[in-house]
Protein backbone atom coordinates (compact mmCIF):
# COMPACT_ATOMS: atom_id res chain seq x y z
CA MET A 1 -74.55 -12.86 -32.41
CA ARG A 2 -73.98 -9.70 -30.55
CA LYS A 3 -72.21 -9.65 -26.95
CA SER A 4 -70.61 -6.89 -25.29
CA LEU A 5 -66.75 -6.83 -24.41
CA VAL A 6 -64.89 -4.77 -21.72
CA ALA A 7 -61.07 -3.77 -21.98
CA GLY A 8 -58.80 -1.16 -22.60
CA GLY A 9 -57.33 0.00 -26.11
CA ALA A 10 -54.69 2.38 -25.65
CA ALA A 11 -51.83 1.95 -27.41
CA VAL A 12 -52.73 -0.95 -29.62
CA LEU A 13 -52.13 0.65 -32.85
CA ALA A 14 -48.49 0.73 -32.05
CA ALA A 15 -48.65 -2.87 -31.84
CA ALA A 16 -50.35 -3.24 -35.64
CA ALA A 17 -47.76 -0.75 -36.77
CA ALA A 18 -44.49 -3.37 -36.16
CA TRP A 19 -46.28 -5.34 -38.97
CA THR A 20 -44.22 -4.83 -42.38
CA ALA A 21 -45.65 -1.91 -44.53
CA VAL A 22 -47.59 -2.53 -47.39
CA ALA A 23 -48.46 -0.81 -50.29
CA VAL A 24 -52.38 0.16 -51.30
CA ALA A 25 -53.22 -0.64 -54.78
CA GLY A 26 -54.28 2.59 -57.32
CA ASP A 27 -57.40 2.79 -56.06
CA GLY A 28 -56.73 3.33 -52.54
CA SER A 29 -58.10 0.29 -51.24
CA THR A 30 -56.86 -3.30 -52.12
CA GLN A 31 -53.82 -4.67 -52.91
CA ALA A 32 -52.79 -8.45 -54.33
CA ALA A 33 -50.83 -10.57 -52.49
CA THR A 34 -47.35 -10.03 -52.28
CA PRO A 35 -45.53 -12.01 -54.99
CA GLY A 36 -43.30 -15.12 -53.66
CA GLY A 37 -44.78 -14.78 -50.59
CA PRO A 38 -47.43 -17.18 -48.88
CA ALA A 39 -50.75 -17.33 -50.79
CA VAL A 40 -52.92 -17.54 -47.35
CA PRO A 41 -51.69 -16.72 -43.94
CA ALA A 42 -50.89 -19.24 -41.53
CA ALA A 43 -53.32 -18.20 -39.43
CA THR A 44 -56.63 -16.18 -39.93
CA ALA A 45 -59.49 -14.95 -37.88
CA GLU A 46 -62.98 -13.76 -38.45
CA VAL A 47 -64.10 -10.12 -38.72
CA THR A 48 -67.30 -10.11 -35.78
CA ARG A 49 -70.18 -7.75 -35.43
CA GLN A 50 -70.45 -7.01 -31.92
CA ASP A 51 -70.57 -4.18 -29.18
CA LEU A 52 -67.21 -2.72 -28.04
CA VAL A 53 -66.09 -0.64 -25.17
CA ASP A 54 -63.06 1.35 -24.64
CA THR A 55 -61.82 1.81 -21.02
CA ARG A 56 -59.14 4.27 -19.07
CA THR A 57 -58.01 2.98 -15.82
CA VAL A 58 -57.46 5.54 -13.14
CA ASP A 59 -55.92 5.53 -9.53
CA GLY A 60 -57.92 5.19 -6.75
CA THR A 61 -58.48 4.37 -2.83
CA LEU A 62 -60.18 1.65 -1.05
CA THR A 63 -61.82 3.74 1.74
CA TYR A 64 -65.31 3.97 4.10
CA ALA A 65 -68.17 6.02 2.85
CA GLY A 66 -69.40 9.17 5.44
CA GLU A 67 -66.04 10.51 6.89
CA ARG A 68 -66.57 13.08 9.67
CA HIS A 69 -64.39 14.85 12.15
CA LEU A 70 -65.67 15.32 16.07
CA ALA A 71 -64.60 17.69 18.26
CA ALA A 72 -65.11 17.94 22.14
CA ALA A 73 -67.66 19.83 23.32
CA GLY A 74 -65.87 20.50 26.65
CA GLY A 75 -62.35 20.82 27.85
CA GLY A 76 -60.55 17.85 30.28
CA THR A 77 -58.31 15.20 29.96
CA VAL A 78 -58.45 12.09 27.56
CA THR A 79 -58.73 8.94 29.45
CA TRP A 80 -59.97 6.18 27.05
CA THR A 81 -60.34 6.27 23.38
CA ALA A 82 -62.16 3.18 20.95
CA ALA A 83 -59.08 1.93 18.83
CA GLU A 84 -58.66 2.78 15.46
CA GLY A 85 -60.24 0.31 13.66
CA ALA A 86 -62.96 -0.27 15.66
CA VAL A 87 -67.01 -0.41 14.68
CA VAL A 88 -69.05 1.51 17.24
CA ARG A 89 -72.73 1.10 17.66
CA ARG A 90 -75.87 3.04 19.47
CA GLY A 91 -74.97 2.83 23.37
CA ARG A 92 -71.35 2.37 22.88
CA PRO A 93 -69.27 5.06 23.88
CA LEU A 94 -66.46 6.91 21.35
CA LEU A 95 -64.36 8.03 23.81
CA ARG A 96 -63.89 9.06 27.56
CA ILE A 97 -62.91 12.62 28.88
CA ASP A 98 -62.18 12.88 32.29
CA ASN A 99 -63.39 9.55 32.98
CA GLU A 100 -67.03 10.26 31.45
CA PRO A 101 -68.28 8.84 28.01
CA LEU A 102 -69.39 10.24 24.61
CA VAL A 103 -71.96 7.94 23.69
CA VAL A 104 -73.06 7.30 20.17
CA MET A 105 -76.81 7.60 19.38
CA TYR A 106 -78.56 7.33 15.99
CA GLY A 107 -79.61 10.35 14.09
CA ARG A 108 -79.09 13.19 11.52
CA LEU A 109 -79.80 15.93 13.60
CA PRO A 110 -76.63 17.31 15.45
CA LEU A 111 -77.20 17.96 19.28
CA TYR A 112 -77.13 21.58 19.04
CA ARG A 113 -78.43 22.43 22.27
CA GLU A 114 -78.91 20.86 25.72
CA LEU A 115 -82.18 18.71 25.99
CA ARG A 116 -84.02 19.08 29.57
CA ARG A 117 -87.26 19.88 31.04
CA GLY A 118 -88.82 23.08 29.74
CA VAL A 119 -87.10 22.98 26.62
CA SER A 120 -89.05 23.93 23.30
CA ASP A 121 -90.38 20.88 21.37
CA GLY A 122 -88.58 19.93 18.56
CA PRO A 123 -87.28 17.27 15.96
CA ASP A 124 -84.14 16.79 18.41
CA VAL A 125 -85.98 15.61 21.23
CA GLU A 126 -87.98 12.86 19.41
CA GLN A 127 -84.57 11.99 18.23
CA LEU A 128 -83.33 11.56 21.86
CA GLU A 129 -86.46 9.50 22.99
CA ARG A 130 -86.60 7.42 20.02
CA ASN A 131 -82.78 6.34 21.09
CA LEU A 132 -83.63 6.02 24.78
CA ARG A 133 -86.44 3.69 24.16
CA ALA A 134 -83.92 1.56 21.72
CA LEU A 135 -81.74 1.52 24.47
CA GLY A 136 -84.20 0.25 26.49
CA HIS A 137 -85.01 3.11 28.91
CA GLY A 138 -88.22 4.85 29.76
CA ASP A 139 -91.11 2.26 29.70
CA ASP A 140 -93.89 5.05 30.06
CA LEU A 141 -92.06 7.15 27.34
CA THR A 142 -93.69 8.23 24.46
CA VAL A 143 -91.85 9.35 21.63
CA ASP A 144 -92.98 12.60 20.13
CA GLU A 145 -91.40 16.04 20.16
CA HIS A 146 -92.43 17.02 23.85
CA PHE A 147 -89.49 16.76 26.69
CA SER A 148 -92.04 15.19 29.51
CA TYR A 149 -91.45 13.89 32.83
CA ALA A 150 -91.24 10.50 31.38
CA THR A 151 -88.36 11.76 29.11
CA TYR A 152 -86.60 13.14 32.27
CA LEU A 153 -86.88 9.96 33.99
CA ALA A 154 -85.63 8.46 31.17
CA VAL A 155 -82.31 10.51 30.72
CA LEU A 156 -81.50 9.68 34.37
CA GLU A 157 -82.15 5.76 33.68
CA TRP A 158 -79.64 6.31 31.06
CA GLN A 159 -77.11 8.59 32.48
CA ASP A 160 -77.05 6.10 35.97
CA ASP A 161 -76.30 3.19 33.59
CA GLU A 162 -73.52 5.12 31.62
CA GLY A 163 -71.95 6.53 34.55
CA LEU A 164 -72.79 10.36 33.54
CA PRO A 165 -73.88 12.82 36.32
CA GLU A 166 -77.60 12.04 36.99
CA THR A 167 -79.05 15.43 35.97
CA GLY A 168 -82.09 14.30 33.81
CA ALA A 169 -80.30 16.69 30.77
CA VAL A 170 -78.18 15.74 28.05
CA ASP A 171 -75.96 17.82 26.08
CA ALA A 172 -73.26 17.31 23.49
CA SER A 173 -70.31 16.51 26.37
CA GLN A 174 -72.36 13.13 26.92
CA ALA A 175 -74.10 11.99 23.30
CA VAL A 176 -73.19 12.48 19.82
CA PHE A 177 -76.05 11.80 17.03
CA LEU A 178 -74.73 10.25 14.05
CA PRO A 179 -76.60 8.56 10.96
CA SER A 180 -75.62 4.84 11.93
CA ALA A 181 -72.43 2.64 13.45
CA VAL A 182 -69.15 4.74 12.87
CA ARG A 183 -65.61 2.85 12.79
CA VAL A 184 -62.81 5.19 14.08
CA THR A 185 -60.08 5.78 11.60
CA ASP A 186 -58.06 8.05 13.45
CA ALA A 187 -57.87 9.21 17.29
CA GLU A 188 -56.23 12.25 16.98
CA ALA A 189 -56.47 13.00 21.01
CA GLU A 190 -54.44 9.87 22.53
CA VAL A 191 -55.35 9.08 26.16
CA GLY A 192 -53.43 11.62 28.70
CA ARG A 193 -53.78 14.49 26.34
CA ARG A 194 -55.61 17.78 27.31
CA VAL A 195 -58.43 18.82 25.05
CA ALA A 196 -60.03 22.11 25.18
CA PRO A 197 -63.71 22.70 23.84
CA GLY A 198 -64.43 22.18 20.00
CA GLN A 199 -60.99 20.84 19.51
CA GLU A 200 -60.93 17.60 16.94
CA VAL A 201 -60.42 14.31 19.14
CA LEU A 202 -61.40 11.74 16.49
CA THR A 203 -62.40 11.43 12.69
CA VAL A 204 -64.73 8.31 12.13
CA THR A 205 -66.34 7.07 8.89
CA GLY A 206 -69.49 4.58 7.87
CA THR A 207 -68.90 1.02 7.76
CA ARG A 208 -69.88 0.81 4.11
CA ARG A 209 -67.00 0.51 1.90
CA LEU A 210 -66.52 2.47 -1.22
CA VAL A 211 -63.62 3.50 -3.82
CA HIS A 212 -62.90 7.20 -4.11
CA VAL A 213 -61.11 8.78 -7.25
CA ASP A 214 -59.36 11.65 -7.30
CA LEU A 215 -60.15 12.24 -11.11
CA ASP A 216 -58.25 14.53 -13.40
CA ALA A 217 -60.70 17.35 -14.17
CA ALA A 218 -59.85 16.81 -18.10
CA ASP A 219 -61.31 13.36 -17.70
CA GLN A 220 -64.21 14.25 -16.26
CA ALA A 221 -66.47 13.27 -19.12
CA LEU A 222 -65.83 9.66 -18.14
CA ALA A 223 -67.29 9.66 -14.60
CA ARG A 224 -71.15 9.60 -15.65
CA LYS A 225 -73.29 8.84 -12.18
CA GLY A 226 -74.69 5.24 -12.36
CA ALA A 227 -72.13 3.98 -14.85
CA LYS A 228 -70.74 0.58 -13.98
CA VAL A 229 -67.07 0.23 -13.76
CA SER A 230 -64.47 -2.23 -12.61
CA VAL A 231 -62.52 -2.10 -9.76
CA GLU A 232 -58.83 -4.33 -9.40
CA LEU A 233 -58.20 -4.66 -5.65
CA PRO A 234 -55.11 -5.52 -3.74
CA GLY A 235 -54.04 -9.01 -4.28
CA GLY A 236 -55.74 -9.17 -7.63
CA GLU A 237 -59.09 -9.28 -6.82
CA ARG A 238 -61.78 -8.10 -9.35
CA VAL A 239 -65.07 -6.35 -8.06
CA ALA A 240 -67.81 -4.54 -9.96
CA GLY A 241 -69.10 -1.00 -8.81
CA LYS A 242 -70.91 1.66 -9.66
CA ILE A 243 -70.32 5.27 -9.70
CA THR A 244 -72.79 6.89 -6.95
CA SER A 245 -71.09 10.38 -6.41
CA VAL A 246 -69.50 12.75 -9.08
CA GLY A 247 -68.00 16.07 -7.39
CA ARG A 248 -69.61 19.15 -9.03
CA VAL A 249 -66.55 21.15 -7.82
CA ALA A 250 -62.65 21.11 -8.94
CA GLU A 251 -60.09 21.06 -6.32
CA THR A 252 -56.87 22.14 -7.01
CA SER A 253 -54.01 21.06 -5.21
CA GLY A 254 -49.67 21.75 -5.53
CA GLY A 255 -48.44 24.23 -7.41
CA GLY A 256 -47.27 26.03 -4.33
CA ALA A 257 -43.71 25.42 -4.74
CA PRO A 258 -41.02 26.71 -7.73
CA GLY A 259 -41.76 24.52 -10.34
CA GLU A 260 -44.00 22.46 -8.61
CA GLU A 261 -47.19 22.03 -11.12
CA SER A 262 -50.77 22.22 -9.63
CA GLU A 263 -53.12 19.18 -10.15
CA THR A 264 -57.16 20.15 -10.58
CA THR A 265 -59.35 17.23 -9.75
CA VAL A 266 -62.96 16.12 -9.44
CA ASP A 267 -64.50 13.59 -6.46
CA VAL A 268 -65.75 10.29 -7.89
CA ASP A 269 -67.01 7.82 -5.43
CA ILE A 270 -67.98 4.26 -6.25
CA THR A 271 -69.68 1.60 -4.64
CA LEU A 272 -68.77 -1.95 -4.92
CA ASP A 273 -71.37 -4.79 -5.72
CA LYS A 274 -70.23 -6.87 -3.08
CA VAL A 275 -67.60 -6.73 0.20
CA PRO A 276 -64.44 -7.04 -0.76
CA ARG A 277 -61.91 -9.51 0.87
CA THR A 278 -59.40 -7.11 1.79
CA ARG A 279 -59.78 -5.27 4.94
CA MET A 280 -56.99 -2.83 4.09
CA ASP A 281 -58.15 1.24 4.37
CA GLN A 282 -56.85 3.52 1.86
CA ALA A 283 -55.69 0.24 -0.07
CA PRO A 284 -54.55 1.56 -3.63
CA VAL A 285 -56.77 0.21 -6.47
CA GLU A 286 -57.29 0.47 -10.44
CA VAL A 287 -60.58 1.30 -11.33
CA GLU A 288 -61.51 0.50 -15.35
CA LEU A 289 -63.91 3.59 -16.46
CA GLU A 290 -65.58 3.26 -19.63
CA SER A 291 -64.15 5.64 -22.70
CA GLU A 292 -66.24 4.65 -25.16
CA ARG A 293 -68.73 2.36 -26.26
CA ARG A 294 -70.15 1.27 -29.95
CA GLU A 295 -72.63 -0.85 -30.65
CA ASP A 296 -73.03 -3.16 -33.53
CA VAL A 297 -70.08 -2.64 -35.34
CA LEU A 298 -67.44 -4.95 -37.22
CA ALA A 299 -64.37 -5.73 -35.68
CA VAL A 300 -61.11 -7.76 -36.10
CA PRO A 301 -58.06 -8.77 -33.42
CA VAL A 302 -56.13 -5.68 -32.94
CA GLU A 303 -52.81 -7.71 -34.40
CA ALA A 304 -55.28 -8.12 -38.10
CA LEU A 305 -53.94 -4.65 -38.75
CA VAL A 306 -51.05 -3.93 -41.11
CA ALA A 307 -49.46 -0.42 -41.49
CA LEU A 308 -49.67 1.10 -44.97
CA ARG A 309 -46.80 2.92 -46.39
CA GLU A 310 -49.45 5.68 -47.70
CA GLY A 311 -50.47 5.93 -43.65
CA GLY A 312 -53.37 4.22 -41.77
CA PHE A 313 -54.06 0.64 -41.39
CA GLY A 314 -55.46 -1.92 -43.48
CA VAL A 315 -56.18 -5.98 -43.09
CA GLU A 316 -55.24 -9.28 -45.06
CA VAL A 317 -58.41 -10.58 -46.49
CA VAL A 318 -58.52 -14.06 -47.29
CA GLU A 319 -60.40 -15.01 -50.39
CA GLY A 320 -59.89 -18.60 -51.80
CA THR A 321 -56.35 -19.52 -52.29
CA GLY A 322 -55.32 -15.55 -52.26
CA THR A 323 -55.59 -12.57 -50.04
CA ARG A 324 -55.92 -8.66 -50.72
CA ILE A 325 -55.20 -5.69 -48.50
CA VAL A 326 -58.26 -3.87 -47.85
CA ALA A 327 -57.57 -0.35 -46.17
CA VAL A 328 -59.58 0.59 -43.42
CA GLU A 329 -60.71 3.20 -40.55
CA THR A 330 -60.37 2.26 -37.17
CA GLY A 331 -62.94 3.38 -34.44
CA ALA A 332 -62.96 1.80 -30.81
CA PHE A 333 -61.02 -0.68 -28.87
CA GLY A 334 -61.97 -3.39 -26.41
CA SER A 335 -60.85 -6.80 -25.03
CA GLY A 336 -57.91 -6.77 -28.04
CA LEU A 337 -60.51 -5.94 -30.47
CA VAL A 338 -60.99 -2.96 -32.99
CA GLU A 339 -63.38 -1.49 -34.76
CA VAL A 340 -62.81 -1.55 -38.70
CA THR A 341 -64.60 -0.10 -41.82
CA GLY A 342 -63.54 -0.94 -45.35
CA GLU A 343 -64.69 -1.94 -48.23
CA GLY A 344 -66.27 -5.41 -48.93
CA LEU A 345 -65.90 -6.13 -45.12
CA ALA A 346 -68.46 -8.20 -43.65
CA GLU A 347 -69.12 -10.25 -40.72
CA GLY A 348 -67.40 -13.63 -41.26
CA THR A 349 -64.76 -12.51 -43.60
CA LYS A 350 -61.60 -13.70 -42.90
CA VAL A 351 -58.55 -12.04 -42.35
CA GLY A 352 -54.83 -12.80 -41.24
CA VAL A 353 -53.29 -12.36 -38.18
CA PRO A 354 -49.43 -13.61 -37.15
CA ALA A 355 -49.18 -17.29 -36.34
CA SER A 356 -48.40 -18.15 -32.97
């Protein structure tokens, strides 16, 4: 019965080469059992028919999706920031400058203009009104693209609750629109520091965990969007995942100093099938990428291979009370097995393996 196996096969031929080399008979395919040797190997295994998957292990980093850098809209002194690692949701402040909060609201359109009475209609107005309603302001507010008097009153209510100047107008010094709740990963502007308009003050990410791999550009063929992978996390935890993003532009780093080699990589992001136990950010992980898949092939344990004096490999086929060496061509590797083709080999054929 066919079954799939997933594992790495690199360097396994070296193990086979450790066997004593044997000669192949004149026809290039078989040889009788060595005179004086055991008639039948002490241990045997069967040739099986199944799918083999060879994998390549690469280094990655466990992190969070959607990193972005936030800048101060106005100048002043930082009087408070959310702690690194804190999750900030709608209606909560990320930081305070001159003791006035910068509040998170949800939306994909940045606050690129001041929103006030008399401003032209637009989706940014609707985005603001949707947040005001979600935060419990504006019972008479109609959520649309028009900044109405009801919108103005709802803004005043919100500003009063947040301790902001009650102007009825909202700008980027008071609110920041983000797609969803964010996690603070770095507070560049510590409390007491003076910041200028446009200066970066916080780095945030989404709350969804992912694995990022800087994949060597030469191995780009290993990363296919939608492909399944296996990730080994700190502590030995293993989690399945799927490649969700593969960069289209290669990035080159290093090579600036004399003798330093440059490295060209492609960004690969992996979404995990379940939330990992570890809460560490930037934790090193190992990712198994599928290198090659071979379906419905004959396979033997790698240790069944014997090195031939003429070059290449063979297997010791057991027939009754005797054996013969059959030269084989090897293919894919996976889970300690190797694909083989050779004269007379079939599913169920017994081959010799080293006694454990």
